[in-house]
Amino acid sequence: MEYIVTELPSSLPGIDVASALPRVAGNQKLYVKLLRHVAAESPSTKEQLTAAIMEGNADKVREIAHSLKGASANLSLTEVVAAAEKLEHAAKAGDFSMVAIHLESLESALDAFVGVVNTLEGL
């Protein structure tokens, strides 16, 4: 499905547009620009998380997940927020078996988010 829009709908898959727009004073172009920025950073974020896990660095995993959760919450990326939060908690507990599971969920949520952003045109 491709969205060619001049105005964003109140929601998109995994994104609560209506709750995010007030944070950017209703500026849809700015919001889409921010969405595209997070989408563009997604591969780097996944690489950083994988590297931190390979190093066994739970603090770094927690830090990256926490930062992603915050940025995603500001943009109301509901699925990414939920997955990042679970990863953050698993890393804080030092439970690397759960970290691996939650990393997979987060990667899926990020991939889905990027897919939605890539369908946005016209803004």
PDB file of N, CA and C in Angstrom:
ATOM      1  N   MET A   1       0.846  -1.174   0.000  1.00  0.00           N
ATOM      2  CA  MET A   1       0.000   0.000   0.000  1.00  0.00           C
ATOM      3  C   MET A   1       0.892   1.238   0.000  1.00  0.00           C
ATOM      4  N   GLU A   2       0.560   2.210  -0.818  1.00  0.00           N
ATOM      5  CA  GLU A   2       1.325   3.441  -0.897  1.00  0.00           C
ATOM      6  C   GLU A   2       0.408   4.605  -0.557  1.00  0.00           C
ATOM      7  N   TYR A   3       0.941   5.504   0.261  1.00  0.00           N
ATOM      8  CA  TYR A   3       0.164   6.667   0.668  1.00  0.00           C
ATOM      9  C   TYR A   3       0.709   7.892  -0.065  1.00  0.00           C
ATOM     10  N   ILE A   4      -0.037   8.414  -1.009  1.00  0.00           N
ATOM     11  CA  ILE A   4       0.327   9.677  -1.639  1.00  0.00           C
ATOM     12  C   ILE A   4      -0.630  10.685  -1.025  1.00  0.00           C
ATOM     13  N   VAL A   5      -0.075  11.513  -0.176  1.00  0.00           N
ATOM     14  CA  VAL A   5      -0.936  12.367   0.640  1.00  0.00           C
ATOM     15  C   VAL A   5      -0.480  13.814   0.605  1.00  0.00           C
ATOM     16  N   THR A   6      -1.412  14.683   0.820  1.00  0.00           N
ATOM     17  CA  THR A   6      -1.082  16.080   1.071  1.00  0.00           C
ATOM     18  C   THR A   6      -1.335  16.380   2.541  1.00  0.00           C
ATOM     19  N   GLU A   7      -2.033  15.451   3.188  1.00  0.00           N
ATOM     20  CA  GLU A   7      -2.275  15.555   4.627  1.00  0.00           C
ATOM     21  C   GLU A   7      -2.218  14.155   5.209  1.00  0.00           C
ATOM     22  N   LEU A   8      -1.554  14.032   6.340  1.00  0.00           N
ATOM     23  CA  LEU A   8      -1.411  12.720   6.968  1.00  0.00           C
ATOM     24  C   LEU A   8      -2.721  12.263   7.594  1.00  0.00           C
ATOM     25  N   PRO A   9      -2.989  10.966   7.554  1.00  0.00           N
ATOM     26  CA  PRO A   9      -4.140  10.434   8.291  1.00  0.00           C
ATOM     27  C   PRO A   9      -3.826  10.461   9.781  1.00  0.00           C
ATOM     28  N   SER A  10      -4.811  10.236  10.616  1.00  0.00           N
ATOM     29  CA  SER A  10      -4.592  10.284  12.064  1.00  0.00           C
ATOM     30  C   SER A  10      -3.732   9.135  12.565  1.00  0.00           C
ATOM     31  N   SER A  11      -3.653   8.070  11.779  1.00  0.00           N
ATOM     32  CA  SER A  11      -2.765   6.973  12.149  1.00  0.00           C
ATOM     33  C   SER A  11      -2.283   6.260  10.902  1.00  0.00           C
ATOM     34  N   LEU A  12      -1.137   5.645  11.058  1.00  0.00           N
ATOM     35  CA  LEU A  12      -0.544   4.781  10.045  1.00  0.00           C
ATOM     36  C   LEU A  12      -0.148   3.510  10.779  1.00  0.00           C
ATOM     37  N   PRO A  13       0.091   2.427  10.090  1.00  0.00           N
ATOM     38  CA  PRO A  13       0.467   1.203  10.805  1.00  0.00           C
ATOM     39  C   PRO A  13       1.663   1.424  11.742  1.00  0.00           C
ATOM     40  N   GLY A  14       1.427   1.223  13.042  1.00  0.00           N
ATOM     41  CA  GLY A  14       2.474   1.372  14.048  1.00  0.00           C
ATOM     42  C   GLY A  14       2.811   2.802  14.430  1.00  0.00           C
ATOM     43  N   ILE A  15       2.041   3.760  13.920  1.00  0.00           N
ATOM     44  CA  ILE A  15       2.319   5.180  14.178  1.00  0.00           C
ATOM     45  C   ILE A  15       1.016   5.882  14.539  1.00  0.00           C
ATOM     46  N   ASP A  16       0.987   6.518  15.698  1.00  0.00           N
ATOM     47  CA  ASP A  16      -0.179   7.290  16.135  1.00  0.00           C
ATOM     48  C   ASP A  16       0.061   8.755  15.765  1.00  0.00           C
ATOM     49  N   VAL A  17      -0.240   9.068  14.524  1.00  0.00           N
ATOM     50  CA  VAL A  17       0.018  10.404  13.985  1.00  0.00           C
ATOM     51  C   VAL A  17      -0.707  11.477  14.798  1.00  0.00           C
ATOM     52  N   ALA A  18      -1.946  11.226  15.159  1.00  0.00           N
ATOM     53  CA  ALA A  18      -2.755  12.224  15.867  1.00  0.00           C
ATOM     54  C   ALA A  18      -2.122  12.656  17.187  1.00  0.00           C
ATOM     55  N   SER A  19      -1.519  11.721  17.901  1.00  0.00           N
ATOM     56  CA  SER A  19      -0.922  12.106  19.184  1.00  0.00           C
ATOM     57  C   SER A  19       0.443  12.761  19.003  1.00  0.00           C
ATOM     58  N   ALA A  20       1.091  12.542  17.877  1.00  0.00           N
ATOM     59  CA  ALA A  20       2.420  13.113  17.648  1.00  0.00           C
ATOM     60  C   ALA A  20       2.374  14.528  17.080  1.00  0.00           C
ATOM     61  N   LEU A  21       1.407  14.813  16.244  1.00  0.00           N
ATOM     62  CA  LEU A  21       1.377  16.115  15.570  1.00  0.00           C
ATOM     63  C   LEU A  21       1.384  17.315  16.514  1.00  0.00           C
ATOM     64  N   PRO A  22       0.694  17.270  17.650  1.00  0.00           N
ATOM     65  CA  PRO A  22       0.770  18.422  18.554  1.00  0.00           C
ATOM     66  C   PRO A  22       2.202  18.709  19.050  1.00  0.00           C
ATOM     67  N   ARG A  23       3.050  17.696  19.087  1.00  0.00           N
ATOM     68  CA  ARG A  23       4.436  17.886  19.537  1.00  0.00           C
ATOM     69  C   ARG A  23       5.268  18.685  18.538  1.00  0.00           C
ATOM     70  N   VAL A  24       4.776  18.753  17.289  1.00  0.00           N
ATOM     71  CA  VAL A  24       5.461  19.544  16.269  1.00  0.00           C
ATOM     72  C   VAL A  24       4.550  20.671  15.787  1.00  0.00           C
ATOM     73  N   ALA A  25       3.685  21.108  16.681  1.00  0.00           N
ATOM     74  CA  ALA A  25       2.754  22.208  16.417  1.00  0.00           C
ATOM     75  C   ALA A  25       1.936  21.974  15.148  1.00  0.00           C
ATOM     76  N   GLY A  26       1.606  20.714  14.883  1.00  0.00           N
ATOM     77  CA  GLY A  26       0.780  20.382  13.730  1.00  0.00           C
ATOM     78  C   GLY A  26       1.507  20.450  12.392  1.00  0.00           C
ATOM     79  N   ASN A  27       2.810  20.670  12.423  1.00  0.00           N
ATOM     80  CA  ASN A  27       3.599  20.808  11.195  1.00  0.00           C
ATOM     81  C   ASN A  27       3.863  19.423  10.598  1.00  0.00           C
ATOM     82  N   GLN A  28       3.037  19.053   9.630  1.00  0.00           N
ATOM     83  CA  GLN A  28       3.133  17.724   9.040  1.00  0.00           C
ATOM     84  C   GLN A  28       4.434  17.517   8.266  1.00  0.00           C
ATOM     85  N   LYS A  29       4.902  18.548   7.601  1.00  0.00           N
ATOM     86  CA  LYS A  29       6.159  18.412   6.853  1.00  0.00           C
ATOM     87  C   LYS A  29       7.316  18.142   7.807  1.00  0.00           C
ATOM     88  N   LEU A  30       7.354  18.849   8.926  1.00  0.00           N
ATOM     89  CA  LEU A  30       8.400  18.611   9.919  1.00  0.00           C
ATOM     90  C   LEU A  30       8.276  17.206  10.487  1.00  0.00           C
ATOM     91  N   TYR A  31       7.064  16.786  10.773  1.00  0.00           N
ATOM     92  CA  TYR A  31       6.845  15.445  11.321  1.00  0.00           C
ATOM     93  C   TYR A  31       7.353  14.367  10.366  1.00  0.00           C
ATOM     94  N   VAL A  32       7.008  14.491   9.105  1.00  0.00           N
ATOM     95  CA  VAL A  32       7.471  13.518   8.114  1.00  0.00           C
ATOM     96  C   VAL A  32       8.992  13.558   8.000  1.00  0.00           C
ATOM     97  N   LYS A  33       9.569  14.741   8.071  1.00  0.00           N
ATOM     98  CA  LYS A  33      11.034  14.871   8.031  1.00  0.00           C
ATOM     99  C   LYS A  33      11.662  14.118   9.214  1.00  0.00           C
ATOM    100  N   LEU A  34      11.071  14.259  10.389  1.00  0.00           N
ATOM    101  CA  LEU A  34      11.574  13.551  11.578  1.00  0.00           C
ATOM    102  C   LEU A  34      11.395  12.041  11.433  1.00  0.00           C
ATOM    103  N   LEU A  35      10.257  11.616  10.891  1.00  0.00           N
ATOM    104  CA  LEU A  35      10.044  10.191  10.638  1.00  0.00           C
ATOM    105  C   LEU A  35      11.115   9.650   9.698  1.00  0.00           C
ATOM    106  N   ARG A  36      11.386  10.401   8.648  1.00  0.00           N
ATOM    107  CA  ARG A  36      12.399   9.963   7.673  1.00  0.00           C
ATOM    108  C   ARG A  36      13.782   9.911   8.299  1.00  0.00           C
ATOM    109  N   HIS A  37      14.064  10.841   9.190  1.00  0.00           N
ATOM    110  CA  HIS A  37      15.368  10.835   9.874  1.00  0.00           C
ATOM    111  C   HIS A  37      15.529   9.572  10.727  1.00  0.00           C
ATOM    112  N   VAL A  38      14.521   9.251  11.513  1.00  0.00           N
ATOM    113  CA  VAL A  38      14.588   8.047  12.346  1.00  0.00           C
ATOM    114  C   VAL A  38      14.689   6.804  11.462  1.00  0.00           C
ATOM    115  N   ALA A  39      13.942   6.792  10.384  1.00  0.00           N
ATOM    116  CA  ALA A  39      14.006   5.652   9.455  1.00  0.00           C
ATOM    117  C   ALA A  39      15.403   5.515   8.859  1.00  0.00           C
ATOM    118  N   ALA A  40      16.014   6.625   8.497  1.00  0.00           N
ATOM    119  CA  ALA A  40      17.355   6.593   7.906  1.00  0.00           C
ATOM    120  C   ALA A  40      18.402   6.119   8.910  1.00  0.00           C
ATOM    121  N   GLU A  41      18.183   6.397  10.192  1.00  0.00           N
ATOM    122  CA  GLU A  41      19.117   5.989  11.238  1.00  0.00           C
ATOM    123  C   GLU A  41      18.913   4.540  11.677  1.00  0.00           C
ATOM    124  N   SER A  42      17.826   3.942  11.245  1.00  0.00           N
ATOM    125  CA  SER A  42      17.483   2.596  11.681  1.00  0.00           C
ATOM    126  C   SER A  42      18.584   1.556  11.439  1.00  0.00           C
ATOM    127  N   PRO A  43      19.193   1.503  10.257  1.00  0.00           N
ATOM    128  CA  PRO A  43      20.254   0.506  10.059  1.00  0.00           C
ATOM    129  C   PRO A  43      21.425   0.692  11.018  1.00  0.00           C
ATOM    130  N   SER A  44      21.801   1.922  11.258  1.00  0.00           N
ATOM    131  CA  SER A  44      22.896   2.201  12.185  1.00  0.00           C
ATOM    132  C   SER A  44      22.531   1.794  13.609  1.00  0.00           C
ATOM    133  N   THR A  45      21.311   2.062  14.001  1.00  0.00           N
ATOM    134  CA  THR A  45      20.848   1.688  15.339  1.00  0.00           C
ATOM    135  C   THR A  45      20.895   0.180  15.506  1.00  0.00           C
ATOM    136  N   LYS A  46      20.432  -0.545  14.503  1.00  0.00           N
ATOM    137  CA  LYS A  46      20.458  -2.012  14.571  1.00  0.00           C
ATOM    138  C   LYS A  46      21.894  -2.531  14.636  1.00  0.00           C
ATOM    139  N   GLU A  47      22.789  -1.929  13.868  1.00  0.00           N
ATOM    140  CA  GLU A  47      24.201  -2.328  13.898  1.00  0.00           C
ATOM    141  C   GLU A  47      24.818  -2.074  15.271  1.00  0.00           C
ATOM    142  N   GLN A  48      24.525  -0.920  15.856  1.00  0.00           N
ATOM    143  CA  GLN A  48      25.058  -0.584  17.176  1.00  0.00           C
ATOM    144  C   GLN A  48      24.549  -1.557  18.233  1.00  0.00           C
ATOM    145  N   LEU A  49      23.286  -1.890  18.159  1.00  0.00           N
ATOM    146  CA  LEU A  49      22.724  -2.846  19.120  1.00  0.00           C
ATOM    147  C   LEU A  49      23.361  -4.217  18.965  1.00  0.00           C
ATOM    148  N   THR A  50      23.511  -4.667  17.740  1.00  0.00           N
ATOM    149  CA  THR A  50      24.122  -5.973  17.500  1.00  0.00           C
ATOM    150  C   THR A  50      25.558  -5.998  18.013  1.00  0.00           C
ATOM    151  N   ALA A  51      26.310  -4.932  17.754  1.00  0.00           N
ATOM    152  CA  ALA A  51      27.694  -4.859  18.224  1.00  0.00           C
ATOM    153  C   ALA A  51      27.753  -4.893  19.750  1.00  0.00           C
ATOM    154  N   ALA A  52      26.880  -4.150  20.400  1.00  0.00           N
ATOM    155  CA  ALA A  52      26.864  -4.123  21.869  1.00  0.00           C
ATOM    156  C   ALA A  52      26.515  -5.492  22.435  1.00  0.00           C
ATOM    157  N   ILE A  53      25.603  -6.187  21.789  1.00  0.00           N
ATOM    158  CA  ILE A  53      25.235  -7.535  22.237  1.00  0.00           C
ATOM    159  C   ILE A  53      26.404  -8.489  22.042  1.00  0.00           C
ATOM    160  N   MET A  54      27.068  -8.396  20.904  1.00  0.00           N
ATOM    161  CA  MET A  54      28.217  -9.269  20.639  1.00  0.00           C
ATOM    162  C   MET A  54      29.341  -9.031  21.651  1.00  0.00           C
ATOM    163  N   GLU A  55      29.448  -7.799  22.113  1.00  0.00           N
ATOM    164  CA  GLU A  55      30.451  -7.455  23.131  1.00  0.00           C
ATOM    165  C   GLU A  55      29.991  -7.856  24.531  1.00  0.00           C
ATOM    166  N   GLY A  56      28.744  -8.225  24.682  1.00  0.00           N
ATOM    167  CA  GLY A  56      28.202  -8.546  25.991  1.00  0.00           C
ATOM    168  C   GLY A  56      28.021  -7.308  26.863  1.00  0.00           C
ATOM    169  N   ASN A  57      27.821  -6.167  26.215  1.00  0.00           N
ATOM    170  CA  ASN A  57      27.727  -4.888  26.912  1.00  0.00           C
ATOM    171  C   ASN A  57      26.253  -4.520  27.142  1.00  0.00           C
ATOM    172  N   ALA A  58      25.707  -5.039  28.228  1.00  0.00           N
ATOM    173  CA  ALA A  58      24.292  -4.804  28.544  1.00  0.00           C
ATOM    174  C   ALA A  58      24.000  -3.329  28.769  1.00  0.00           C
ATOM    175  N   ASP A  59      24.940  -2.600  29.359  1.00  0.00           N
ATOM    176  CA  ASP A  59      24.716  -1.165  29.598  1.00  0.00           C
ATOM    177  C   ASP A  59      24.565  -0.406  28.285  1.00  0.00           C
ATOM    178  N   LYS A  60      25.376  -0.746  27.307  1.00  0.00           N
ATOM    179  CA  LYS A  60      25.297  -0.072  26.004  1.00  0.00           C
ATOM    180  C   LYS A  60      23.990  -0.438  25.297  1.00  0.00           C
ATOM    181  N   VAL A  61      23.593  -1.698  25.380  1.00  0.00           N
ATOM    182  CA  VAL A  61      22.319  -2.122  24.789  1.00  0.00           C
ATOM    183  C   VAL A  61      21.185  -1.331  25.434  1.00  0.00           C
ATOM    184  N   ARG A  62      21.194  -1.248  26.758  1.00  0.00           N
ATOM    185  CA  ARG A  62      20.154  -0.512  27.482  1.00  0.00           C
ATOM    186  C   ARG A  62      20.139   0.955  27.067  1.00  0.00           C
ATOM    187  N   GLU A  63      21.318   1.551  26.962  1.00  0.00           N
ATOM    188  CA  GLU A  63      21.430   2.965  26.593  1.00  0.00           C
ATOM    189  C   GLU A  63      20.861   3.222  25.192  1.00  0.00           C
ATOM    190  N   ILE A  64      21.226   2.388  24.234  1.00  0.00           N
ATOM    191  CA  ILE A  64      20.734   2.556  22.859  1.00  0.00           C
ATOM    192  C   ILE A  64      19.221   2.344  22.805  1.00  0.00           C
ATOM    193  N   ALA A  65      18.747   1.292  23.466  1.00  0.00           N
ATOM    194  CA  ALA A  65      17.306   1.013  23.480  1.00  0.00           C
ATOM    195  C   ALA A  65      16.545   2.160  24.146  1.00  0.00           C
ATOM    196  N   HIS A  66      17.090   2.696  25.224  1.00  0.00           N
ATOM    197  CA  HIS A  66      16.442   3.798  25.927  1.00  0.00           C
ATOM    198  C   HIS A  66      16.352   5.041  25.025  1.00  0.00           C
ATOM    199  N   SER A  67      17.440   5.365  24.342  1.00  0.00           N
ATOM    200  CA  SER A  67      17.439   6.529  23.446  1.00  0.00           C
ATOM    201  C   SER A  67      16.446   6.345  22.302  1.00  0.00           C
ATOM    202  N   LEU A  68      16.430   5.150  21.733  1.00  0.00           N
ATOM    203  CA  LEU A  68      15.486   4.870  20.653  1.00  0.00           C
ATOM    204  C   LEU A  68      14.051   4.949  21.151  1.00  0.00           C
ATOM    205  N   LYS A  69      13.820   4.430  22.344  1.00  0.00           N
ATOM    206  CA  LYS A  69      12.477   4.472  22.931  1.00  0.00           C
ATOM    207  C   LYS A  69      12.018   5.920  23.094  1.00  0.00           C
ATOM    208  N   GLY A  70      12.894   6.778  23.581  1.00  0.00           N
ATOM    209  CA  GLY A  70      12.538   8.183  23.782  1.00  0.00           C
ATOM    210  C   GLY A  70      12.232   8.902  22.484  1.00  0.00           C
ATOM    211  N   ALA A  71      13.098   8.732  21.501  1.00  0.00           N
ATOM    212  CA  ALA A  71      12.879   9.381  20.207  1.00  0.00           C
ATOM    213  C   ALA A  71      11.597   8.856  19.562  1.00  0.00           C
ATOM    214  N   SER A  72      11.384   7.561  19.670  1.00  0.00           N
ATOM    215  CA  SER A  72      10.195   6.949  19.076  1.00  0.00           C
ATOM    216  C   SER A  72       8.925   7.374  19.792  1.00  0.00           C
ATOM    217  N   ALA A  73       8.999   7.537  21.111  1.00  0.00           N
ATOM    218  CA  ALA A  73       7.831   7.980  21.871  1.00  0.00           C
ATOM    219  C   ALA A  73       7.430   9.396  21.462  1.00  0.00           C
ATOM    220  N   ASN A  74       8.412  10.253  21.235  1.00  0.00           N
ATOM    221  CA  ASN A  74       8.106  11.615  20.806  1.00  0.00           C
ATOM    222  C   ASN A  74       7.388  11.641  19.465  1.00  0.00           C
ATOM    223  N   LEU A  75       7.657  10.645  18.635  1.00  0.00           N
ATOM    224  CA  LEU A  75       7.023  10.574  17.324  1.00  0.00           C
ATOM    225  C   LEU A  75       5.828   9.623  17.305  1.00  0.00           C
ATOM    226  N   SER A  76       5.504   9.047  18.466  1.00  0.00           N
ATOM    227  CA  SER A  76       4.379   8.118  18.626  1.00  0.00           C
ATOM    228  C   SER A  76       4.492   6.889  17.728  1.00  0.00           C
ATOM    229  N   LEU A  77       5.693   6.316  17.708  1.00  0.00           N
ATOM    230  CA  LEU A  77       5.934   5.073  16.969  1.00  0.00           C
ATOM    231  C   LEU A  77       5.632   3.930  17.921  1.00  0.00           C
ATOM    232  N   THR A  78       4.373   3.585  18.037  1.00  0.00           N
ATOM    233  CA  THR A  78       3.897   2.705  19.101  1.00  0.00           C
ATOM    234  C   THR A  78       4.579   1.347  19.136  1.00  0.00           C
ATOM    235  N   GLU A  79       4.757   0.725  17.994  1.00  0.00           N
ATOM    236  CA  GLU A  79       5.364  -0.609  17.954  1.00  0.00           C
ATOM    237  C   GLU A  79       6.846  -0.552  18.296  1.00  0.00           C
ATOM    238  N   VAL A  80       7.535   0.456  17.809  1.00  0.00           N
ATOM    239  CA  VAL A  80       8.963   0.601  18.092  1.00  0.00           C
ATOM    240  C   VAL A  80       9.165   0.894  19.578  1.00  0.00           C
ATOM    241  N   VAL A  81       8.340   1.756  20.144  1.00  0.00           N
ATOM    242  CA  VAL A  81       8.440   2.080  21.571  1.00  0.00           C
ATOM    243  C   VAL A  81       8.281   0.815  22.413  1.00  0.00           C
ATOM    244  N   ALA A  82       7.257   0.036  22.126  1.00  0.00           N
ATOM    245  CA  ALA A  82       6.999  -1.173  22.914  1.00  0.00           C
ATOM    246  C   ALA A  82       8.168  -2.150  22.826  1.00  0.00           C
ATOM    247  N   ALA A  83       8.697  -2.343  21.622  1.00  0.00           N
ATOM    248  CA  ALA A  83       9.811  -3.283  21.450  1.00  0.00           C
ATOM    249  C   ALA A  83      11.091  -2.758  22.097  1.00  0.00           C
ATOM    250  N   ALA A  84      11.354  -1.470  21.964  1.00  0.00           N
ATOM    251  CA  ALA A  84      12.562  -0.882  22.564  1.00  0.00           C
ATOM    252  C   ALA A  84      12.497  -0.952  24.085  1.00  0.00           C
ATOM    253  N   GLU A  85      11.315  -0.744  24.632  1.00  0.00           N
ATOM    254  CA  GLU A  85      11.147  -0.809  26.083  1.00  0.00           C
ATOM    255  C   GLU A  85      11.440  -2.217  26.604  1.00  0.00           C
ATOM    256  N   LYS A  86      10.951  -3.225  25.913  1.00  0.00           N
ATOM    257  CA  LYS A  86      11.218  -4.609  26.332  1.00  0.00           C
ATOM    258  C   LYS A  86      12.704  -4.927  26.243  1.00  0.00           C
ATOM    259  N   LEU A  87      13.352  -4.457  25.190  1.00  0.00           N
ATOM    260  CA  LEU A  87      14.787  -4.675  25.049  1.00  0.00           C
ATOM    261  C   LEU A  87      15.551  -3.958  26.153  1.00  0.00           C
ATOM    262  N   GLU A  88      15.150  -2.745  26.445  1.00  0.00           N
ATOM    263  CA  GLU A  88      15.792  -1.972  27.513  1.00  0.00           C
ATOM    264  C   GLU A  88      15.701  -2.711  28.849  1.00  0.00           C
ATOM    265  N   HIS A  89      14.525  -3.221  29.174  1.00  0.00           N
ATOM    266  CA  HIS A  89      14.335  -3.928  30.446  1.00  0.00           C
ATOM    267  C   HIS A  89      15.150  -5.215  30.506  1.00  0.00           C
ATOM    268  N   ALA A  90      15.195  -5.946  29.408  1.00  0.00           N
ATOM    269  CA  ALA A  90      15.979  -7.181  29.375  1.00  0.00           C
ATOM    270  C   ALA A  90      17.459  -6.880  29.548  1.00  0.00           C
ATOM    271  N   ALA A  91      17.932  -5.820  28.908  1.00  0.00           N
ATOM    272  CA  ALA A  91      19.341  -5.439  29.033  1.00  0.00           C
ATOM    273  C   ALA A  91      19.647  -4.981  30.453  1.00  0.00           C
ATOM    274  N   LYS A  92      18.735  -4.229  31.035  1.00  0.00           N
ATOM    275  CA  LYS A  92      18.931  -3.763  32.419  1.00  0.00           C
ATOM    276  C   LYS A  92      19.043  -4.949  33.368  1.00  0.00           C
ATOM    277  N   ALA A  93      18.291  -6.002  33.098  1.00  0.00           N
ATOM    278  CA  ALA A  93      18.334  -7.210  33.930  1.00  0.00           C
ATOM    279  C   ALA A  93      19.544  -8.087  33.601  1.00  0.00           C
ATOM    280  N   GLY A  94      20.233  -7.758  32.491  1.00  0.00           N
ATOM    281  CA  GLY A  94      21.385  -8.551  32.088  1.00  0.00           C
ATOM    282  C   GLY A  94      21.009  -9.911  31.521  1.00  0.00           C
ATOM    283  N   ASP A  95      19.786 -10.049  31.071  1.00  0.00           N
ATOM    284  CA  ASP A  95      19.267 -11.314  30.552  1.00  0.00           C
ATOM    285  C   ASP A  95      19.455 -11.358  29.037  1.00  0.00           C
ATOM    286  N   PHE A  96      20.617 -11.866  28.616  1.00  0.00           N
ATOM    287  CA  PHE A  96      20.945 -11.828  27.191  1.00  0.00           C
ATOM    288  C   PHE A  96      20.103 -12.782  26.350  1.00  0.00           C
ATOM    289  N   SER A  97      19.515 -13.809  26.945  1.00  0.00           N
ATOM    290  CA  SER A  97      18.621 -14.654  26.148  1.00  0.00           C
ATOM    291  C   SER A  97      17.372 -13.854  25.773  1.00  0.00           C
ATOM    292  N   MET A  98      16.859 -13.050  26.712  1.00  0.00           N
ATOM    293  CA  MET A  98      15.708 -12.198  26.416  1.00  0.00           C
ATOM    294  C   MET A  98      16.117 -11.010  25.538  1.00  0.00           C
ATOM    295  N   VAL A  99      17.333 -10.522  25.717  1.00  0.00           N
ATOM    296  CA  VAL A  99      17.834  -9.437  24.868  1.00  0.00           C
ATOM    297  C   VAL A  99      17.772  -9.870  23.403  1.00  0.00           C
ATOM    298  N   ALA A 100      18.230 -11.093  23.125  1.00  0.00           N
ATOM    299  CA  ALA A 100      18.226 -11.588  21.749  1.00  0.00           C
ATOM    300  C   ALA A 100      16.812 -11.657  21.192  1.00  0.00           C
ATOM    301  N   ILE A 101      15.872 -12.132  21.996  1.00  0.00           N
ATOM    302  CA  ILE A 101      14.475 -12.228  21.568  1.00  0.00           C
ATOM    303  C   ILE A 101      13.904 -10.838  21.296  1.00  0.00           C
ATOM    304  N   HIS A 102      14.160  -9.920  22.222  1.00  0.00           N
ATOM    305  CA  HIS A 102      13.602  -8.572  22.074  1.00  0.00           C
ATOM    306  C   HIS A 102      14.297  -7.775  20.970  1.00  0.00           C
ATOM    307  N   LEU A 103      15.567  -8.083  20.706  1.00  0.00           N
ATOM    308  CA  LEU A 103      16.237  -7.434  19.579  1.00  0.00           C
ATOM    309  C   LEU A 103      15.537  -7.829  18.277  1.00  0.00           C
ATOM    310  N   GLU A 104      15.202  -9.083  18.151  1.00  0.00           N
ATOM    311  CA  GLU A 104      14.504  -9.550  16.946  1.00  0.00           C
ATOM    312  C   GLU A 104      13.169  -8.822  16.787  1.00  0.00           C
ATOM    313  N   SER A 105      12.439  -8.664  17.884  1.00  0.00           N
ATOM    314  CA  SER A 105      11.156  -7.943  17.831  1.00  0.00           C
ATOM    315  C   SER A 105      11.362  -6.478  17.459  1.00  0.00           C
ATOM    316  N   LEU A 106      12.398  -5.877  18.030  1.00  0.00           N
ATOM    317  CA  LEU A 106      12.678  -4.473  17.721  1.00  0.00           C
ATOM    318  C   LEU A 106      13.069  -4.313  16.261  1.00  0.00           C
ATOM    319  N   GLU A 107      13.894  -5.205  15.757  1.00  0.00           N
ATOM    320  CA  GLU A 107      14.282  -5.126  14.346  1.00  0.00           C
ATOM    321  C   GLU A 107      13.056  -5.247  13.440  1.00  0.00           C
ATOM    322  N   SER A 108      12.137  -6.131  13.785  1.00  0.00           N
ATOM    323  CA  SER A 108      10.902  -6.279  13.001  1.00  0.00           C
ATOM    324  C   SER A 108      10.067  -5.009  13.052  1.00  0.00           C
ATOM    325  N   ALA A 109       9.964  -4.416  14.242  1.00  0.00           N
ATOM    326  CA  ALA A 109       9.193  -3.172  14.393  1.00  0.00           C
ATOM    327  C   ALA A 109       9.839  -2.036  13.601  1.00  0.00           C
ATOM    328  N   LEU A 110      11.169  -1.957  13.653  1.00  0.00           N
ATOM    329  CA  LEU A 110      11.871  -0.913  12.898  1.00  0.00           C
ATOM    330  C   LEU A 110      11.697  -1.119  11.396  1.00  0.00           C
ATOM    331  N   ASP A 111      11.811  -2.362  10.945  1.00  0.00           N
ATOM    332  CA  ASP A 111      11.644  -2.647   9.520  1.00  0.00           C
ATOM    333  C   ASP A 111      10.239  -2.281   9.055  1.00  0.00           C
ATOM    334  N   ALA A 112       9.236  -2.602   9.861  1.00  0.00           N
ATOM    335  CA  ALA A 112       7.858  -2.249   9.514  1.00  0.00           C
ATOM    336  C   ALA A 112       7.690  -0.731   9.465  1.00  0.00           C
ATOM    337  N   PHE A 113       8.263  -0.035  10.443  1.00  0.00           N
ATOM    338  CA  PHE A 113       8.202   1.428  10.484  1.00  0.00           C
ATOM    339  C   PHE A 113       8.851   2.029   9.234  1.00  0.00           C
ATOM    340  N   VAL A 114      10.035   1.552   8.906  1.00  0.00           N
ATOM    341  CA  VAL A 114      10.745   2.052   7.721  1.00  0.00           C
ATOM    342  C   VAL A 114       9.899   1.805   6.468  1.00  0.00           C
ATOM    343  N   GLY A 115       9.263   0.642   6.405  1.00  0.00           N
ATOM    344  CA  GLY A 115       8.396   0.338   5.270  1.00  0.00           C
ATOM    345  C   GLY A 115       7.261   1.341   5.136  1.00  0.00           C
ATOM    346  N   VAL A 116       6.654   1.706   6.255  1.00  0.00           N
ATOM    347  CA  VAL A 116       5.563   2.696   6.217  1.00  0.00           C
ATOM    348  C   VAL A 116       6.100   4.052   5.784  1.00  0.00           C
ATOM    349  N   VAL A 117       7.215   4.468   6.342  1.00  0.00           N
ATOM    350  CA  VAL A 117       7.788   5.774   5.989  1.00  0.00           C
ATOM    351  C   VAL A 117       8.128   5.811   4.497  1.00  0.00           C
ATOM    352  N   ASN A 118       8.626   4.709   3.985  1.00  0.00           N
ATOM    353  CA  ASN A 118       8.988   4.669   2.569  1.00  0.00           C
ATOM    354  C   ASN A 118       7.783   4.774   1.640  1.00  0.00           C
ATOM    355  N   THR A 119       6.582   4.570   2.176  1.00  0.00           N
ATOM    356  CA  THR A 119       5.387   4.696   1.339  1.00  0.00           C
ATOM    357  C   THR A 119       4.834   6.106   1.328  1.00  0.00           C
ATOM    358  N   LEU A 120       5.338   6.974   2.175  1.00  0.00           N
ATOM    359  CA  LEU A 120       4.807   8.340   2.262  1.00  0.00           C
ATOM    360  C   LEU A 120       5.379   9.205   1.131  1.00  0.00           C
ATOM    361  N   GLU A 121       4.510   9.798   0.373  1.00  0.00           N
ATOM    362  CA  GLU A 121       4.895  10.719  -0.671  1.00  0.00           C
ATOM    363  C   GLU A 121       3.982  11.919  -0.610  1.00  0.00           C
ATOM    364  N   GLY A 122       4.455  13.024  -1.123  1.00  0.00           N
ATOM    365  CA  GLY A 122       3.615  14.197  -1.214  1.00  0.00           C
ATOM    366  C   GLY A 122       3.764  15.168  -0.062  1.00  0.00           C
ATOM    367  N   LEU A 123       4.506  14.763   0.967  1.00  0.00           N
ATOM    368  CA  LEU A 123       4.741  15.669   2.095  1.00  0.00           C
ATOM    369  C   LEU A 123       6.207  15.942   2.269  1.00  0.00           C
TER     370      LEU A 123
END
